[in-house]
Amino acid sequence: MPKFKVVIDYSKCSRCGLCVRICPTSVFEMEDVVRVVREENCLACLACEILCPKKIITITPIIEKSKLIDERYGTLKLP
């Protein structure tokens, strides 16, 4: 299961391929457009997010419900 969600705003993508070239874990592939193909490999190094010339890539952590909610008491647990 992926630990991070990788989102691309495809409507603004120029298809430069920089994210494909700089990603150390090959999260992206370029076909007719850039695709997120191995989201589970994302290390959240943020290279793609920082270096994207259009600033259209967002990396966010996926936090499991069990890590946020104490099931016994229904209280929020801060990471």
Protein backbone atom coordinates (compact mmCIF):
# COMPACT_ATOMS: atom_id res chain seq x y z
CA MET A 1 0.00 0.00 0.00
CA PRO A 2 1.37 3.44 -0.89
CA LYS A 3 2.49 5.71 1.95
CA PHE A 4 2.12 8.85 -0.16
CA LYS A 5 -0.43 10.12 -2.66
CA VAL A 6 1.10 11.55 -5.84
CA VAL A 7 -1.21 13.93 -7.69
CA ILE A 8 -0.58 15.63 -11.04
CA ASP A 9 -2.76 18.44 -12.39
CA TYR A 10 -2.87 17.07 -15.93
CA SER A 11 -4.68 20.15 -17.26
CA LYS A 12 -1.50 22.21 -16.65
CA CYS A 13 1.14 19.57 -17.50
CA SER A 14 3.51 20.63 -20.32
CA ARG A 15 4.80 17.04 -20.73
CA CYS A 16 8.40 18.14 -20.22
CA GLY A 17 9.22 14.78 -18.59
CA LEU A 18 11.40 16.29 -15.86
CA CYS A 19 9.56 14.34 -13.15
CA VAL A 20 10.24 11.10 -15.03
CA ARG A 21 13.95 11.87 -15.26
CA ILE A 22 14.51 13.03 -11.67
CA CYS A 23 12.42 10.54 -9.69
CA PRO A 24 14.87 8.18 -7.95
CA THR A 25 12.29 5.39 -7.64
CA SER A 26 10.61 5.55 -11.07
CA VAL A 27 7.19 6.59 -9.82
CA PHE A 28 6.40 8.22 -13.18
CA GLU A 29 6.41 7.06 -16.79
CA MET A 30 5.96 9.09 -19.95
CA GLU A 31 3.59 7.74 -22.56
CA ASP A 32 1.37 10.25 -24.34
CA VAL A 33 1.28 12.03 -20.96
CA VAL A 34 3.14 11.60 -17.68
CA ARG A 35 1.55 8.87 -15.57
CA VAL A 36 1.93 7.90 -11.93
CA VAL A 37 2.61 4.18 -12.32
CA ARG A 38 4.44 3.16 -9.13
CA GLU A 39 2.97 5.30 -6.37
CA GLU A 40 3.98 2.68 -3.80
CA ASN A 41 7.64 3.47 -4.60
CA CYS A 42 7.33 7.15 -3.62
CA LEU A 43 9.78 8.15 -0.87
CA ALA A 44 8.40 11.71 -0.62
CA CYS A 45 11.81 13.17 -1.48
CA LEU A 46 9.77 15.97 -3.09
CA ALA A 47 12.19 16.35 -6.02
CA CYS A 48 9.32 16.21 -8.52
CA GLU A 49 7.16 18.64 -6.53
CA ILE A 50 9.98 21.16 -6.05
CA LEU A 51 11.53 20.97 -9.53
CA CYS A 52 8.38 20.78 -11.66
CA PRO A 53 8.46 24.00 -13.70
CA LYS A 54 4.65 24.25 -13.65
CA LYS A 55 4.35 23.33 -9.92
CA ILE A 56 1.58 20.84 -10.67
CA ILE A 57 2.73 17.83 -8.63
CA THR A 58 1.62 17.37 -5.04
CA ILE A 59 2.87 14.70 -2.64
CA THR A 60 0.78 14.10 0.48
CA PRO A 61 1.10 11.43 3.17
CA ILE A 62 -1.55 8.76 3.42
CA ILE A 63 -2.25 8.26 7.11
CA GLU A 64 -4.02 5.10 8.14
CA LYS A 65 -7.16 5.55 10.20
CA SER A 66 -5.70 3.36 12.95
CA LYS A 67 -2.87 5.84 13.41
CA LEU A 68 -5.23 8.76 13.88
CA ILE A 69 -8.08 7.32 15.89
CA ASP A 70 -7.87 5.49 19.17
CA GLU A 71 -10.64 2.98 18.53
CA ARG A 72 -11.30 2.34 22.21
CA TYR A 73 -12.03 5.95 23.08
CA GLY A 74 -12.65 7.56 19.71
CA THR A 75 -10.01 10.20 20.34
CA LEU A 76 -7.60 11.76 17.94
CA LYS A 77 -3.97 10.68 18.24
CA LEU A 78 -1.44 13.17 16.96
CA PRO A 79 1.49 11.73 15.04
